[in-house]
PDB file of N, CA and C in Angstrom:
ATOM      1  N   MET A   1      31.210  -5.517   4.757  1.00  0.00           N
ATOM      2  CA  MET A   1      29.439  -4.630   5.313  1.00  0.00           C
ATOM      3  C   MET A   1      29.417  -3.565   3.855  1.00  0.00           C
ATOM      4  N   ILE A   2      30.820  -3.578   3.569  1.00  0.00           N
ATOM      5  CA  ILE A   2      30.178  -2.721   2.620  1.00  0.00           C
ATOM      6  C   ILE A   2      30.717  -3.088   1.483  1.00  0.00           C
ATOM      7  N   GLU A   3      30.826  -3.841   1.492  1.00  0.00           N
ATOM      8  CA  GLU A   3      31.392  -4.285   0.311  1.00  0.00           C
ATOM      9  C   GLU A   3      30.097  -6.071  -0.769  1.00  0.00           C
ATOM     10  N   TRP A   4      29.328  -5.847   0.534  1.00  0.00           N
ATOM     11  CA  TRP A   4      28.225  -7.076   0.647  1.00  0.00           C
ATOM     12  C   TRP A   4      27.883  -6.036   0.183  1.00  0.00           C
ATOM     13  N   LEU A   5      27.262  -4.526   0.642  1.00  0.00           N
ATOM     14  CA  LEU A   5      25.895  -3.501   0.152  1.00  0.00           C
ATOM     15  C   LEU A   5      26.365  -2.744  -1.009  1.00  0.00           C
ATOM     16  N   LYS A   6      27.369  -3.404  -1.965  1.00  0.00           N
ATOM     17  CA  LYS A   6      27.731  -2.595  -2.639  1.00  0.00           C
ATOM     18  C   LYS A   6      27.192  -4.014  -3.274  1.00  0.00           C
ATOM     19  N   MET A   7      27.820  -5.596  -3.288  1.00  0.00           N
ATOM     20  CA  MET A   7      26.343  -6.893  -4.234  1.00  0.00           C
ATOM     21  C   MET A   7      27.103  -6.763  -5.612  1.00  0.00           C
ATOM     22  N   GLY A   8      28.664  -6.482  -5.901  1.00  0.00           N
ATOM     23  CA  GLY A   8      29.547  -7.163  -7.237  1.00  0.00           C
ATOM     24  C   GLY A   8      29.662  -5.626  -7.970  1.00  0.00           C
ATOM     25  N   GLY A   9      28.827  -4.625  -7.659  1.00  0.00           N
ATOM     26  CA  GLY A   9      28.841  -3.671  -8.543  1.00  0.00           C
ATOM     27  C   GLY A   9      27.193  -2.332  -8.505  1.00  0.00           C
ATOM     28  N   HIS A  10      26.121  -3.725  -8.597  1.00  0.00           N
ATOM     29  CA  HIS A  10      24.942  -3.316  -8.257  1.00  0.00           C
ATOM     30  C   HIS A  10      23.828  -3.597  -7.806  1.00  0.00           C
ATOM     31  N   GLY A  11      25.105  -3.474  -6.532  1.00  0.00           N
ATOM     32  CA  GLY A  11      23.903  -2.794  -5.500  1.00  0.00           C
ATOM     33  C   GLY A  11      23.193  -1.675  -5.205  1.00  0.00           C
ATOM     34  N   PHE A  12      23.391  -0.122  -6.664  1.00  0.00           N
ATOM     35  CA  PHE A  12      22.002   0.338  -5.935  1.00  0.00           C
ATOM     36  C   PHE A  12      20.772   0.677  -7.242  1.00  0.00           C
ATOM     37  N   TYR A  13      20.753  -0.908  -7.874  1.00  0.00           N
ATOM     38  CA  TYR A  13      20.048  -1.199  -8.693  1.00  0.00           C
ATOM     39  C   TYR A  13      18.936  -2.304  -7.675  1.00  0.00           C
ATOM     40  N   ILE A  14      19.856  -3.237  -6.883  1.00  0.00           N
ATOM     41  CA  ILE A  14      19.143  -3.754  -6.020  1.00  0.00           C
ATOM     42  C   ILE A  14      18.908  -3.568  -4.734  1.00  0.00           C
ATOM     43  N   TRP A  15      19.606  -1.997  -3.887  1.00  0.00           N
ATOM     44  CA  TRP A  15      18.590  -1.326  -3.701  1.00  0.00           C
ATOM     45  C   TRP A  15      18.206  -0.401  -3.649  1.00  0.00           C
ATOM     46  N   ALA A  16      17.860   0.278  -4.721  1.00  0.00           N
ATOM     47  CA  ALA A  16      17.011   0.762  -5.221  1.00  0.00           C
ATOM     48  C   ALA A  16      15.232  -0.656  -5.590  1.00  0.00           C
ATOM     49  N   SER A  17      15.531  -1.247  -6.208  1.00  0.00           N
ATOM     50  CA  SER A  17      14.586  -2.810  -6.497  1.00  0.00           C
ATOM     51  C   SER A  17      13.509  -2.154  -5.303  1.00  0.00           C
ATOM     52  N   TYR A  18      14.811  -2.327  -3.958  1.00  0.00           N
ATOM     53  CA  TYR A  18      14.154  -3.202  -2.994  1.00  0.00           C
ATOM     54  C   TYR A  18      12.739  -2.024  -2.556  1.00  0.00           C
ATOM     55  N   GLY A  19      13.472  -1.023  -2.801  1.00  0.00           N
ATOM     56  CA  GLY A  19      13.028   0.105  -2.118  1.00  0.00           C
ATOM     57  C   GLY A  19      11.719   1.075  -2.733  1.00  0.00           C
ATOM     58  N   MET A  20      11.325   0.709  -4.014  1.00  0.00           N
ATOM     59  CA  MET A  20      10.167   0.464  -5.061  1.00  0.00           C
ATOM     60  C   MET A  20       9.333  -0.500  -4.071  1.00  0.00           C
ATOM     61  N   LEU A  21       9.828  -1.664  -4.868  1.00  0.00           N
ATOM     62  CA  LEU A  21       9.431  -2.471  -4.252  1.00  0.00           C
ATOM     63  C   LEU A  21       8.169  -2.442  -2.683  1.00  0.00           C
ATOM     64  N   ALA A  22       8.502  -1.321  -1.578  1.00  0.00           N
ATOM     65  CA  ALA A  22       8.726  -1.001  -0.386  1.00  0.00           C
ATOM     66  C   ALA A  22       7.581   0.150  -0.183  1.00  0.00           C
ATOM     67  N   ALA A  23       8.290   0.693  -1.631  1.00  0.00           N
ATOM     68  CA  ALA A  23       7.064   2.271  -1.356  1.00  0.00           C
ATOM     69  C   ALA A  23       5.852   1.888  -2.167  1.00  0.00           C
ATOM     70  N   ALA A  24       5.548   0.593  -3.194  1.00  0.00           N
ATOM     71  CA  ALA A  24       4.624   0.413  -4.170  1.00  0.00           C
ATOM     72  C   ALA A  24       3.543  -0.401  -2.876  1.00  0.00           C
ATOM     73  N   ILE A  25       4.348  -1.630  -1.719  1.00  0.00           N
ATOM     74  CA  ILE A  25       3.339  -1.994  -1.086  1.00  0.00           C
ATOM     75  C   ILE A  25       2.486  -0.679   0.024  1.00  0.00           C
ATOM     76  N   ALA A  26       3.301   0.486   0.719  1.00  0.00           N
ATOM     77  CA  ALA A  26       3.242   0.593   1.150  1.00  0.00           C
ATOM     78  C   ALA A  26       1.760   1.880   0.310  1.00  0.00           C
ATOM     79  N   ILE A  27       2.094   2.903  -0.501  1.00  0.00           N
ATOM     80  CA  ILE A  27       0.487   3.161  -1.298  1.00  0.00           C
ATOM     81  C   ILE A  27       0.309   2.191  -1.739  1.00  0.00           C
ATOM     82  N   GLU A  28       0.177   0.772  -1.517  1.00  0.00           N
ATOM     83  CA  GLU A  28      -1.247  -0.333  -1.992  1.00  0.00           C
ATOM     84  C   GLU A  28      -1.892   0.272  -0.185  1.00  0.00           C
ATOM     85  N   LEU A  29      -1.903  -0.825   0.957  1.00  0.00           N
ATOM     86  CA  LEU A  29      -1.914  -0.673   1.355  1.00  0.00           C
ATOM     87  C   LEU A  29      -2.520   1.231   1.761  1.00  0.00           C
ATOM     88  N   VAL A  30      -2.304   1.976   1.753  1.00  0.00           N
ATOM     89  CA  VAL A  30      -2.630   2.922   1.969  1.00  0.00           C
ATOM     90  C   VAL A  30      -4.266   3.330   1.424  1.00  0.00           C
ATOM     91  N   GLY A  31      -4.486   2.632   0.193  1.00  0.00           N
ATOM     92  CA  GLY A  31      -4.770   3.082  -1.014  1.00  0.00           C
ATOM     93  C   GLY A  31      -6.253   1.226  -0.683  1.00  0.00           C
ATOM     94  N   LEU A  32      -6.001   0.712  -0.174  1.00  0.00           N
ATOM     95  CA  LEU A  32      -7.001  -0.105  -0.140  1.00  0.00           C
ATOM     96  C   LEU A  32      -7.505  -0.251   1.362  1.00  0.00           C
ATOM     97  N   ARG A  33      -7.146   0.308   2.992  1.00  0.00           N
ATOM     98  CA  ARG A  33      -7.573   0.990   3.772  1.00  0.00           C
ATOM     99  C   ARG A  33      -8.103   2.368   3.276  1.00  0.00           C
ATOM    100  N   GLN A  34      -8.193   2.948   2.564  1.00  0.00           N
ATOM    101  CA  GLN A  34      -9.116   4.031   2.136  1.00  0.00           C
ATOM    102  C   GLN A  34     -10.065   3.892   1.301  1.00  0.00           C
ATOM    103  N   ARG A  35      -9.899   2.331   0.038  1.00  0.00           N
ATOM    104  CA  ARG A  35     -10.996   2.485  -0.367  1.00  0.00           C
ATOM    105  C   ARG A  35     -11.805   1.238   0.981  1.00  0.00           C
ATOM    106  N   ARG A  36     -12.279   0.479   1.580  1.00  0.00           N
ATOM    107  CA  ARG A  36     -11.948  -0.428   3.091  1.00  0.00           C
ATOM    108  C   ARG A  36     -12.917   0.512   3.131  1.00  0.00           C
ATOM    109  N   ARG A  37     -12.182   2.488   3.530  1.00  0.00           N
ATOM    110  CA  ARG A  37     -13.422   3.020   4.458  1.00  0.00           C
ATOM    111  C   ARG A  37     -14.167   3.402   4.177  1.00  0.00           C
ATOM    112  N   ASN A  38     -14.208   3.639   1.897  1.00  0.00           N
ATOM    113  CA  ASN A  38     -15.371   4.443   1.410  1.00  0.00           C
ATOM    114  C   ASN A  38     -16.027   2.829   1.672  1.00  0.00           C
ATOM    115  N   ALA A  39     -16.711   1.525   1.660  1.00  0.00           N
ATOM    116  CA  ALA A  39     -16.743   0.762   1.252  1.00  0.00           C
ATOM    117  C   ALA A  39     -17.846   0.415   2.487  1.00  0.00           C
ATOM    118  N   ARG A  40     -16.865   0.923   4.084  1.00  0.00           N
ATOM    119  CA  ARG A  40     -17.854   0.986   4.926  1.00  0.00           C
ATOM    120  C   ARG A  40     -19.087   2.034   5.371  1.00  0.00           C
ATOM    121  N   GLU A  41     -18.661   3.073   4.543  1.00  0.00           N
ATOM    122  CA  GLU A  41     -19.734   4.534   4.888  1.00  0.00           C
ATOM    123  C   GLU A  41     -20.926   4.217   4.254  1.00  0.00           C
ATOM    124  N   MET A  42     -20.166   3.580   3.161  1.00  0.00           N
ATOM    125  CA  MET A  42     -21.933   2.832   1.396  1.00  0.00           C
ATOM    126  C   MET A  42     -22.761   2.279   2.048  1.00  0.00           C
ATOM    127  N   ILE A  43     -22.176   1.417   2.789  1.00  0.00           N
ATOM    128  CA  ILE A  43     -23.387   0.040   3.280  1.00  0.00           C
ATOM    129  C   ILE A  43     -23.582   0.902   4.725  1.00  0.00           C
ATOM    130  N   GLU A  44     -22.898   1.743   5.578  1.00  0.00           N
ATOM    131  CA  GLU A  44     -23.669   2.353   6.858  1.00  0.00           C
ATOM    132  C   GLU A  44     -24.610   3.218   5.634  1.00  0.00           C
ATOM    133  N   GLN A  45     -25.038   3.778   5.224  1.00  0.00           N
ATOM    134  CA  GLN A  45     -25.025   4.934   4.357  1.00  0.00           C
ATOM    135  C   GLN A  45     -26.247   4.352   3.775  1.00  0.00           C
ATOM    136  N   ALA A  46     -26.669   2.970   3.228  1.00  0.00           N
ATOM    137  CA  ALA A  46     -26.748   2.034   2.715  1.00  0.00           C
ATOM    138  C   ALA A  46     -28.576   1.879   3.307  1.00  0.00           C
ATOM    139  N   THR A  47     -27.590   1.536   4.630  1.00  0.00           N
ATOM    140  CA  THR A  47     -28.513   0.700   6.153  1.00  0.00           C
ATOM    141  C   THR A  47     -28.785   1.936   5.862  1.00  0.00           C
ATOM    142  N   GLU A  48     -28.388   3.554   6.428  1.00  0.00           N
ATOM    143  CA  GLU A  48     -29.625   4.078   7.483  1.00  0.00           C
ATOM    144  C   GLU A  48     -30.907   3.914   6.384  1.00  0.00           C
ATOM    145  N   GLU A  49     -30.179   4.438   5.280  1.00  0.00           N
ATOM    146  CA  GLU A  49     -31.920   4.218   3.649  1.00  0.00           C
ATOM    147  C   GLU A  49     -32.999   3.320   4.199  1.00  0.00           C
ATOM    148  N   ALA A  50     -31.790   2.161   4.708  1.00  0.00           N
ATOM    149  CA  ALA A  50     -32.279   1.076   3.901  1.00  0.00           C
ATOM    150  C   ALA A  50     -34.035   1.360   5.451  1.00  0.00           C
ATOM    151  N   THR A  51     -33.292   1.500   6.708  1.00  0.00           N
ATOM    152  CA  THR A  51     -34.278   1.875   7.642  1.00  0.00           C
ATOM    153  C   THR A  51     -35.253   2.451   7.839  1.00  0.00           C
ATOM    154  N   TRP A  52     -35.448   3.914   6.617  1.00  0.00           N
ATOM    155  CA  TRP A  52     -35.803   5.391   7.234  1.00  0.00           C
ATOM    156  C   TRP A  52     -36.834   4.463   6.207  1.00  0.00           C
ATOM    157  N   GLN A  53     -36.978   3.799   5.452  1.00  0.00           N
ATOM    158  CA  GLN A  53     -38.582   3.045   4.592  1.00  0.00           C
ATOM    159  C   GLN A  53     -39.390   2.290   4.327  1.00  0.00           C
TER     160      GLN A  53
END
């Protein structure tokens, strides 16, 4: 099992790449959630302003 994790001496670079990919996906998901929330708030505000006029 340890030899498989070492991947012929390149394990650090491979696992670091997987870690960076996981971090990038997590950051993208958080950003997407924030942008979606902001878009919904803008739509709600526009709808409220339109109903008052």
